[in-house]
Amino acid sequence: MHRSGTDSPVSASRTAIPYRQFHVGLFVLAQFLYAVANYAYSPTLPLFVQSKTGNLSLVGITLSMYGLWQMIIRLPLGIATDRAGWCKPFIVAGFALAALGAWLTGQAHDITGLMVGRSLSGVAAGIFGPILVVFSGLFLPHQSVQSFTILTAVGAVGIMTSTLATGFLNEMGGYSLAFYVAAGAAVLAALFVLPAYERRRPRQRVSARSVLSLITRRDVLIPALFCAALQYTAAATTYGFLPILAGQMGATGVTLSVLMSTQVGLLTLGSVTAGLVVKRIGDRRLVALGLVMLSAGVGLATVAPTIWMLFVAQCFIGFSWGTCYPVITGMSIKQVADVGRNTAMGAFQMGCSVGVFAGSWISGMVADRLGIRPMFGLTGIGVLFLAILWTFRSTDAGSAGSGGSESLPALEYR
């Protein structure tokens, strides 16, 4: 039996990592490049897909391939890394697939090619869970939320940098150039990860019963469900149909880049803010406030009369997303022993992927039938309802300000 809590022997071993700051720096650089690999083409990707078809449902289905394959791969990948006892080979392979997926998407001439490219990128995105687990392993267990805020902030800086450049890259070399830049960034990320430290763990024999007991734990399952809602909203708005709405209102490629970068810049600010205030006001209360703000941002996008109002909506969406995501992520594995963290993170990330897939697919169908703005309105109402549910859940837990520090039993592998 492996026990969670501050008495774990792993707690002491993490303080003895040689050149810890150097290895943290390697993962920070890799995370930055990984963000570039995934988002260098994102501001104009929906328009690129739309240029191959005028059907918004088909646009949504194509974009949803990214989330679908994340959803398929993440839990099996988490189990595989726990069984192997380390993550780096999987992470490097994921970076290679990210490069291939970006390159194929840039080369695509029809919807089929785009679906293949986005599917490979989705499989590659499954490695984000192992990256989070390895990075958090460079910190003490009670610093899990803080480690995730660092990685989220670094990723946000990478996203902001790359999305700012998208419009200029499109003007220099067309849509394809941004995809080639993304592929190159993925290769560089792999090179930075290769020498980075990862504490090897004993190989584990994982039983189906132990996996089921882990992924159904409230402290893993509830954050996963709410993260799915966050990802649904992001896929339906910022990374889906908000750029198309802005394009219909006259936005240029450069304007779309700045629009997404605005969201990412506020996401970075929200992530940093979360790290600073989470201990003061509690993780559950902070998430509730973030969900209310997210609902307000989507509501503003619903009624925005001008592109400038869309910028304001993006500020609300970005800040609230940056506030909620790292906190929910940290909550999902805070009480899980190291031996089961990859599986727990795989389950959590699979929930997030359900949101990415459903957000692109369902919002595409709704937008095709009702229009983009009504789809935004329904999404905003749904987020507000979730904020109410989260608040009642926090009240029932009796720990809105506790930060969830209660000790819970760890997963048993045998």
Protein backbone atom coordinates (compact mmCIF):
# COMPACT_ATOMS: atom_id res chain seq x y z
CA MET A 1 0.00 0.00 0.00
CA HIS A 2 1.29 3.41 -0.91
CA ARG A 3 0.14 6.22 1.29
CA SER A 4 -0.54 9.81 0.33
CA GLY A 5 0.14 12.79 2.51
CA THR A 6 3.11 14.66 3.78
CA ASP A 7 4.58 11.60 5.45
CA SER A 8 5.38 9.97 2.10
CA PRO A 9 9.06 9.14 1.64
CA VAL A 10 8.82 10.73 -1.78
CA SER A 11 8.45 14.13 -0.10
CA ALA A 12 12.00 13.99 1.15
CA SER A 13 13.46 12.63 -2.09
CA ARG A 14 12.14 15.57 -4.08
CA THR A 15 14.20 18.00 -2.08
CA ALA A 16 17.41 16.15 -3.07
CA ILE A 17 17.07 16.44 -6.88
CA PRO A 18 20.47 17.54 -8.24
CA TYR A 19 20.41 20.84 -10.16
CA ARG A 20 16.64 21.01 -9.67
CA GLN A 21 16.34 24.56 -11.03
CA PHE A 22 18.16 23.52 -14.21
CA HIS A 23 15.70 20.69 -14.85
CA VAL A 24 12.75 22.94 -14.02
CA GLY A 25 14.14 25.33 -16.63
CA LEU A 26 14.35 22.58 -19.26
CA PHE A 27 10.70 21.69 -18.75
CA VAL A 28 9.72 25.36 -18.79
CA LEU A 29 11.43 25.78 -22.18
CA ALA A 30 9.85 22.58 -23.48
CA GLN A 31 6.41 23.69 -22.29
CA PHE A 32 6.86 27.05 -24.02
CA LEU A 33 7.78 25.35 -27.31
CA TYR A 34 4.99 22.79 -26.89
CA ALA A 35 2.51 25.66 -26.61
CA VAL A 36 3.94 27.18 -29.79
CA ALA A 37 3.60 23.80 -31.52
CA ASN A 38 -0.09 23.60 -30.64
CA TYR A 39 -1.15 27.21 -31.08
CA ALA A 40 1.02 28.87 -33.74
CA TYR A 41 -1.82 28.34 -36.24
CA SER A 42 -4.84 28.43 -33.88
CA PRO A 43 -6.14 31.99 -34.50
CA THR A 44 -6.88 31.27 -38.15
CA LEU A 45 -7.34 27.48 -38.01
CA PRO A 46 -11.18 27.68 -38.01
CA LEU A 47 -11.04 29.96 -41.06
CA PHE A 48 -8.52 27.64 -42.72
CA VAL A 49 -10.89 24.71 -42.17
CA GLN A 50 -13.85 26.80 -43.32
CA SER A 51 -11.97 27.59 -46.55
CA LYS A 52 -12.28 23.89 -47.41
CA THR A 53 -16.03 23.72 -46.67
CA GLY A 54 -18.87 26.15 -46.01
CA ASN A 55 -20.64 23.75 -43.64
CA LEU A 56 -20.21 24.84 -40.01
CA SER A 57 -21.13 21.35 -38.77
CA LEU A 58 -18.27 19.91 -40.82
CA VAL A 59 -15.96 22.63 -39.50
CA GLY A 60 -16.92 21.62 -35.96
CA ILE A 61 -16.41 17.91 -36.65
CA THR A 62 -12.96 18.56 -38.13
CA LEU A 63 -11.92 20.66 -35.16
CA SER A 64 -13.34 18.05 -32.79
CA MET A 65 -10.85 15.41 -34.01
CA TYR A 66 -8.25 17.09 -31.80
CA GLY A 67 -10.38 16.52 -28.70
CA LEU A 68 -11.62 13.09 -29.76
CA TRP A 69 -8.14 11.58 -29.97
CA GLN A 70 -7.06 13.25 -26.76
CA MET A 71 -10.06 11.64 -25.13
CA ILE A 72 -9.15 8.22 -26.50
CA ILE A 73 -5.44 8.30 -25.64
CA ARG A 74 -5.15 10.02 -22.29
CA LEU A 75 -6.31 7.39 -19.80
CA PRO A 76 -4.48 4.50 -21.54
CA LEU A 77 -1.39 6.71 -21.68
CA GLY A 78 -1.65 7.47 -17.97
CA ILE A 79 -1.91 3.77 -17.17
CA ALA A 80 0.99 2.95 -19.52
CA THR A 81 3.29 5.51 -17.91
CA ASP A 82 2.43 4.27 -14.41
CA ARG A 83 3.18 0.72 -15.53
CA ALA A 84 6.45 1.75 -17.16
CA GLY A 85 7.52 3.82 -14.17
CA TRP A 86 8.55 6.84 -16.23
CA CYS A 87 7.16 9.30 -18.77
CA LYS A 88 9.97 10.75 -20.87
CA PRO A 89 9.84 8.25 -23.78
CA PHE A 90 6.13 8.93 -24.15
CA ILE A 91 6.64 12.70 -23.94
CA VAL A 92 9.32 12.68 -26.65
CA ALA A 93 7.14 10.49 -28.89
CA GLY A 94 4.27 12.92 -28.32
CA PHE A 95 6.39 15.86 -29.44
CA ALA A 96 7.29 13.94 -32.61
CA LEU A 97 3.60 13.31 -33.33
CA ALA A 98 2.84 17.00 -32.69
CA ALA A 99 5.40 17.92 -35.35
CA LEU A 100 3.95 15.41 -37.81
CA GLY A 101 0.36 16.47 -37.14
CA ALA A 102 1.13 20.17 -37.67
CA TRP A 103 3.04 19.45 -40.88
CA LEU A 104 0.26 17.25 -42.32
CA THR A 105 -2.41 19.81 -41.44
CA GLY A 106 -0.45 22.52 -43.24
CA GLN A 107 -0.13 20.24 -46.29
CA ALA A 108 -3.82 19.28 -46.35
CA HIS A 109 -5.87 20.13 -49.42
CA ASP A 110 -9.24 18.78 -48.26
CA ILE A 111 -11.25 17.98 -45.16
CA THR A 112 -9.92 14.42 -44.98
CA GLY A 113 -6.32 15.64 -44.79
CA LEU A 114 -7.27 18.17 -42.12
CA MET A 115 -8.97 15.47 -40.06
CA VAL A 116 -5.89 13.25 -40.22
CA GLY A 117 -3.61 16.10 -39.19
CA ARG A 118 -5.83 17.21 -36.33
CA SER A 119 -6.21 13.61 -35.16
CA LEU A 120 -2.43 13.19 -34.89
CA SER A 121 -2.20 16.51 -33.05
CA GLY A 122 -4.88 15.25 -30.67
CA VAL A 123 -2.93 12.05 -29.95
CA ALA A 124 0.16 14.19 -29.34
CA ALA A 125 -1.75 16.42 -26.92
CA GLY A 126 -2.26 13.38 -24.70
CA ILE A 127 1.27 13.87 -23.34
CA PHE A 128 0.27 17.01 -21.45
CA GLY A 129 -0.78 14.86 -18.51
CA PRO A 130 2.63 13.15 -18.20
CA ILE A 131 4.33 16.53 -18.57
CA LEU A 132 2.31 17.87 -15.65
CA VAL A 133 3.11 14.84 -13.51
CA VAL A 134 6.86 14.91 -14.22
CA PHE A 135 7.03 18.67 -13.64
CA SER A 136 5.09 18.44 -10.38
CA GLY A 137 7.55 15.72 -9.32
CA LEU A 138 10.24 18.40 -9.18
CA PHE A 139 8.28 20.08 -6.37
CA LEU A 140 7.03 18.98 -2.96
CA PRO A 141 3.59 17.30 -2.91
CA HIS A 142 1.84 20.24 -1.21
CA GLN A 143 3.12 22.53 -4.00
CA SER A 144 1.14 20.76 -6.74
CA VAL A 145 -1.19 23.70 -7.40
CA GLN A 146 1.75 26.12 -7.49
CA SER A 147 3.65 23.91 -9.96
CA PHE A 148 0.62 23.80 -12.24
CA THR A 149 0.22 27.57 -12.13
CA ILE A 150 3.86 27.90 -13.24
CA LEU A 151 3.41 25.49 -16.13
CA THR A 152 0.07 27.03 -17.11
CA ALA A 153 1.59 30.53 -17.08
CA VAL A 154 4.57 29.43 -19.19
CA GLY A 155 2.24 27.71 -21.64
CA ALA A 156 0.12 30.83 -21.79
CA VAL A 157 3.17 32.95 -22.63
CA GLY A 158 4.01 30.50 -25.41
CA ILE A 159 0.46 30.63 -26.71
CA MET A 160 0.40 34.43 -26.59
CA THR A 161 3.73 34.71 -28.41
CA SER A 162 2.77 32.25 -31.14
CA THR A 163 -0.76 33.53 -31.65
CA LEU A 164 0.51 37.09 -31.96
CA ALA A 165 2.75 35.89 -34.77
CA THR A 166 0.08 33.90 -36.63
CA GLY A 167 -1.33 36.77 -38.66
CA PHE A 168 2.12 37.93 -39.71
CA LEU A 169 3.14 34.39 -40.63
CA ASN A 170 0.01 34.06 -42.76
CA GLU A 171 0.86 37.28 -44.57
CA MET A 172 4.46 36.14 -45.13
CA GLY A 173 3.82 32.60 -46.35
CA GLY A 174 0.10 31.85 -46.32
CA TYR A 175 -1.70 29.56 -43.88
CA SER A 176 0.89 26.78 -44.23
CA LEU A 177 3.86 28.69 -42.79
CA ALA A 178 2.40 28.78 -39.28
CA PHE A 179 2.00 24.98 -39.35
CA TYR A 180 5.65 24.53 -40.33
CA VAL A 181 6.76 26.82 -37.50
CA ALA A 182 4.65 24.71 -35.12
CA ALA A 183 6.32 21.51 -36.37
CA GLY A 184 9.78 22.97 -35.81
CA ALA A 185 8.85 24.08 -32.27
CA ALA A 186 7.71 20.53 -31.42
CA VAL A 187 11.07 19.10 -32.53
CA LEU A 188 12.95 21.63 -30.37
CA ALA A 189 10.73 20.78 -27.38
CA ALA A 190 11.75 17.14 -27.68
CA LEU A 191 15.43 18.13 -27.66
CA PHE A 192 14.98 20.09 -24.41
CA VAL A 193 13.15 17.24 -22.67
CA LEU A 194 15.72 14.56 -23.52
CA PRO A 195 18.31 15.65 -20.87
CA ALA A 196 15.69 16.70 -18.27
CA TYR A 197 15.48 14.83 -14.96
CA GLU A 198 12.72 12.41 -14.15
CA ARG A 199 12.74 10.30 -11.02
CA ARG A 200 12.26 6.70 -12.14
CA ARG A 201 9.69 4.69 -10.25
CA PRO A 202 9.37 0.90 -9.95
CA ARG A 203 7.29 -0.71 -12.67
CA GLN A 204 3.73 -1.28 -11.51
CA ARG A 205 1.25 -4.02 -12.29
CA VAL A 206 -2.02 -2.16 -12.62
CA SER A 207 -5.30 -3.95 -12.05
CA ALA A 208 -8.57 -2.85 -13.62
CA ARG A 209 -10.11 -2.65 -10.16
CA SER A 210 -7.44 -0.27 -8.88
CA VAL A 211 -7.81 1.98 -11.93
CA LEU A 212 -11.60 2.08 -11.52
CA SER A 213 -11.28 2.89 -7.83
CA LEU A 214 -8.99 5.79 -8.68
CA ILE A 215 -10.90 7.41 -11.52
CA THR A 216 -14.18 7.25 -9.56
CA ARG A 217 -12.76 9.02 -6.49
CA ARG A 218 -14.55 12.29 -5.88
CA ASP A 219 -11.30 14.26 -5.64
CA VAL A 220 -10.36 13.04 -9.16
CA LEU A 221 -13.75 12.77 -10.85
CA ILE A 222 -15.33 16.10 -9.88
CA PRO A 223 -12.40 18.26 -11.07
CA ALA A 224 -12.35 16.25 -14.32
CA LEU A 225 -16.04 16.95 -14.97
CA PHE A 226 -15.67 20.66 -14.34
CA CYS A 227 -12.53 20.83 -16.46
CA ALA A 228 -14.55 19.24 -19.27
CA ALA A 229 -16.94 22.17 -18.99
CA LEU A 230 -14.06 24.66 -19.17
CA GLN A 231 -12.64 22.97 -22.24
CA TYR A 232 -16.09 22.81 -23.87
CA THR A 233 -16.43 26.56 -23.48
CA ALA A 234 -12.94 27.27 -24.83
CA ALA A 235 -13.50 24.98 -27.84
CA ALA A 236 -16.87 26.57 -28.60
CA THR A 237 -15.62 30.16 -28.32
CA THR A 238 -11.95 31.15 -28.41
CA TYR A 239 -10.64 28.16 -30.36
CA GLY A 240 -13.77 27.54 -32.39
CA PHE A 241 -16.38 30.02 -33.51
CA LEU A 242 -15.35 33.31 -31.98
CA PRO A 243 -12.68 33.79 -34.71
CA ILE A 244 -15.31 33.00 -37.35
CA LEU A 245 -17.69 35.57 -35.81
CA ALA A 246 -14.89 38.13 -35.74
CA GLY A 247 -14.09 37.35 -39.38
CA GLN A 248 -17.74 37.92 -40.29
CA MET A 249 -17.47 41.32 -38.55
CA GLY A 250 -14.47 42.26 -40.70
CA ALA A 251 -11.46 41.16 -38.63
CA THR A 252 -8.21 40.59 -40.55
CA GLY A 253 -5.72 37.80 -39.90
CA VAL A 254 -3.58 40.11 -37.77
CA THR A 255 -6.64 41.21 -35.79
CA LEU A 256 -7.54 37.58 -35.16
CA SER A 257 -4.02 36.95 -33.87
CA VAL A 258 -4.25 39.88 -31.48
CA LEU A 259 -7.75 38.79 -30.44
CA MET A 260 -6.55 35.34 -29.39
CA SER A 261 -3.36 36.72 -27.85
CA THR A 262 -5.48 39.04 -25.71
CA GLN A 263 -7.31 36.05 -24.33
CA VAL A 264 -4.05 34.23 -23.69
CA GLY A 265 -2.44 37.27 -22.05
CA LEU A 266 -5.33 37.50 -19.59
CA LEU A 267 -5.14 33.73 -19.13
CA THR A 268 -1.53 34.19 -18.04
CA LEU A 269 -2.52 36.94 -15.64
CA GLY A 270 -5.32 34.77 -14.26
CA SER A 271 -2.93 31.86 -13.73
CA VAL A 272 -0.43 34.03 -11.87
CA THR A 273 -3.24 35.54 -9.80
CA ALA A 274 -4.52 32.07 -8.91
CA GLY A 275 -1.12 31.06 -7.62
CA LEU A 276 -0.94 34.16 -5.43
CA VAL A 277 -4.43 34.11 -3.91
CA VAL A 278 -5.46 30.44 -3.82
CA LYS A 279 -4.17 29.92 -0.27
CA ARG A 280 -5.93 33.04 0.92
CA ILE A 281 -9.44 32.43 -0.40
CA GLY A 282 -9.43 28.67 -1.01
CA ASP A 283 -9.36 26.68 -4.23
CA ARG A 284 -13.10 25.93 -4.40
CA ARG A 285 -14.17 29.54 -3.85
CA LEU A 286 -11.65 30.73 -6.44
CA VAL A 287 -13.03 28.31 -9.04
CA ALA A 288 -16.60 29.44 -8.33
CA LEU A 289 -15.65 33.09 -8.93
CA GLY A 290 -13.83 32.10 -12.11
CA LEU A 291 -16.85 30.25 -13.50
CA VAL A 292 -19.09 33.27 -12.93
CA MET A 293 -16.60 35.48 -14.76
CA LEU A 294 -16.37 32.96 -17.61
CA SER A 295 -20.14 33.03 -18.00
CA ALA A 296 -20.02 36.84 -18.16
CA GLY A 297 -17.35 36.72 -20.87
CA VAL A 298 -19.33 34.32 -23.06
CA GLY A 299 -22.42 36.47 -22.50
CA LEU A 300 -20.55 39.55 -23.74
CA ALA A 301 -19.47 37.67 -26.87
CA THR A 302 -23.12 36.78 -27.47
CA VAL A 303 -24.25 40.42 -27.70
CA ALA A 304 -21.02 42.12 -28.85
CA PRO A 305 -21.90 44.76 -31.46
CA THR A 306 -18.28 45.44 -32.45
CA ILE A 307 -14.92 43.68 -32.65
CA TRP A 308 -13.72 45.78 -29.71
CA MET A 309 -16.45 44.28 -27.55
CA LEU A 310 -15.20 40.84 -28.58
CA PHE A 311 -11.82 41.90 -27.19
CA VAL A 312 -13.48 42.71 -23.86
CA ALA A 313 -15.23 39.32 -23.90
CA GLN A 314 -11.88 37.63 -24.56
CA CYS A 315 -10.41 39.39 -21.52
CA PHE A 316 -13.12 37.94 -19.28
CA ILE A 317 -12.83 34.48 -20.85
CA GLY A 318 -9.04 34.44 -20.65
CA PHE A 319 -8.70 35.66 -17.06
CA SER A 320 -11.39 33.32 -15.74
CA TRP A 321 -9.98 30.33 -17.63
CA GLY A 322 -6.49 31.03 -16.33
CA THR A 323 -7.86 31.30 -12.81
CA CYS A 324 -9.84 28.06 -12.88
CA TYR A 325 -7.76 25.62 -14.90
CA PRO A 326 -4.53 25.32 -12.87
CA VAL A 327 -6.45 25.21 -9.60
CA ILE A 328 -8.78 22.44 -10.79
CA THR A 329 -5.80 20.55 -12.23
CA GLY A 330 -3.92 20.72 -8.94
CA MET A 331 -7.00 19.59 -7.03
CA SER A 332 -7.33 16.49 -9.23
CA ILE A 333 -4.09 14.85 -8.01
CA LYS A 334 -3.34 16.69 -4.77
CA GLN A 335 -4.33 13.72 -2.60
CA VAL A 336 -3.12 10.94 -4.93
CA ALA A 337 0.12 9.11 -4.15
CA ASP A 338 2.97 9.39 -6.67
CA VAL A 339 2.52 5.80 -7.78
CA GLY A 340 -0.95 6.56 -9.17
CA ARG A 341 -0.55 10.14 -10.32
CA ASN A 342 -0.12 9.40 -14.02
CA THR A 343 -3.32 7.36 -14.09
CA ALA A 344 -5.19 10.04 -12.11
CA MET A 345 -3.90 12.76 -14.42
CA GLY A 346 -4.81 10.61 -17.42
CA ALA A 347 -8.37 10.34 -16.13
CA PHE A 348 -8.50 14.07 -15.46
CA GLN A 349 -7.10 14.95 -18.87
CA MET A 350 -9.49 12.52 -20.54
CA GLY A 351 -12.33 14.49 -18.95
CA CYS A 352 -10.82 17.67 -20.34
CA SER A 353 -10.60 16.05 -23.77
CA VAL A 354 -14.29 15.16 -23.67
CA GLY A 355 -14.91 18.88 -23.32
CA VAL A 356 -12.65 19.74 -26.28
CA PHE A 357 -14.34 17.14 -28.47
CA ALA A 358 -17.89 17.98 -27.40
CA GLY A 359 -17.27 21.72 -27.53
CA SER A 360 -16.19 21.64 -31.16
CA TRP A 361 -18.70 19.05 -32.31
CA ILE A 362 -21.86 20.11 -30.46
CA SER A 363 -21.27 23.85 -30.79
CA GLY A 364 -20.71 23.37 -34.53
CA MET A 365 -24.09 21.68 -34.92
CA VAL A 366 -25.85 24.29 -32.79
CA ALA A 367 -24.17 27.16 -34.64
CA ASP A 368 -25.11 25.65 -38.00
CA ARG A 369 -28.77 25.44 -36.98
CA LEU A 370 -29.27 28.48 -34.74
CA GLY A 371 -26.33 30.74 -35.51
CA ILE A 372 -23.09 31.49 -33.69
CA ARG A 373 -24.49 34.09 -31.28
CA PRO A 374 -27.38 31.93 -30.00
CA MET A 375 -24.88 29.10 -29.50
CA PHE A 376 -22.72 31.44 -27.39
CA GLY A 377 -25.78 32.41 -25.35
CA LEU A 378 -26.64 28.80 -24.54
CA THR A 379 -23.02 28.11 -23.62
CA GLY A 380 -22.88 31.09 -21.25
CA ILE A 381 -26.09 30.00 -19.50
CA GLY A 382 -24.64 26.51 -19.10
CA VAL A 383 -21.45 27.87 -17.49
CA LEU A 384 -23.48 29.96 -15.05
CA PHE A 385 -25.46 26.87 -14.08
CA LEU A 386 -22.17 25.04 -13.45
CA ALA A 387 -20.98 27.88 -11.23
CA ILE A 388 -24.10 27.40 -9.10
CA LEU A 389 -23.52 23.64 -8.95
CA TRP A 390 -19.88 24.15 -7.94
CA THR A 391 -20.92 26.57 -5.19
CA PHE A 392 -23.41 24.09 -3.73
CA ARG A 393 -20.84 21.31 -4.01
CA SER A 394 -18.33 23.45 -2.08
CA THR A 395 -20.91 24.21 0.60
CA ASP A 396 -21.77 20.53 0.95
CA ALA A 397 -18.08 19.68 1.25
CA GLY A 398 -17.80 22.19 4.06
CA SER A 399 -14.38 23.29 2.86
CA ALA A 400 -14.75 26.30 0.61
CA GLY A 401 -11.78 27.89 2.18
CA SER A 402 -9.81 24.84 3.22
CA GLY A 403 -7.98 24.32 -0.02
CA GLY A 404 -8.94 20.65 0.05
CA SER A 405 -6.16 19.59 2.36
CA GLU A 406 -7.96 16.64 3.91
CA SER A 407 -6.09 13.34 3.73
CA LEU A 408 -7.57 10.78 1.37
CA PRO A 409 -6.58 7.17 0.73
CA ALA A 410 -4.20 6.59 -2.15
CA LEU A 411 -4.59 4.16 -5.00
CA GLU A 412 -3.34 0.66 -4.33
CA TYR A 413 -1.44 -1.10 -7.11
CA ARG A 414 -0.68 -4.79 -7.00
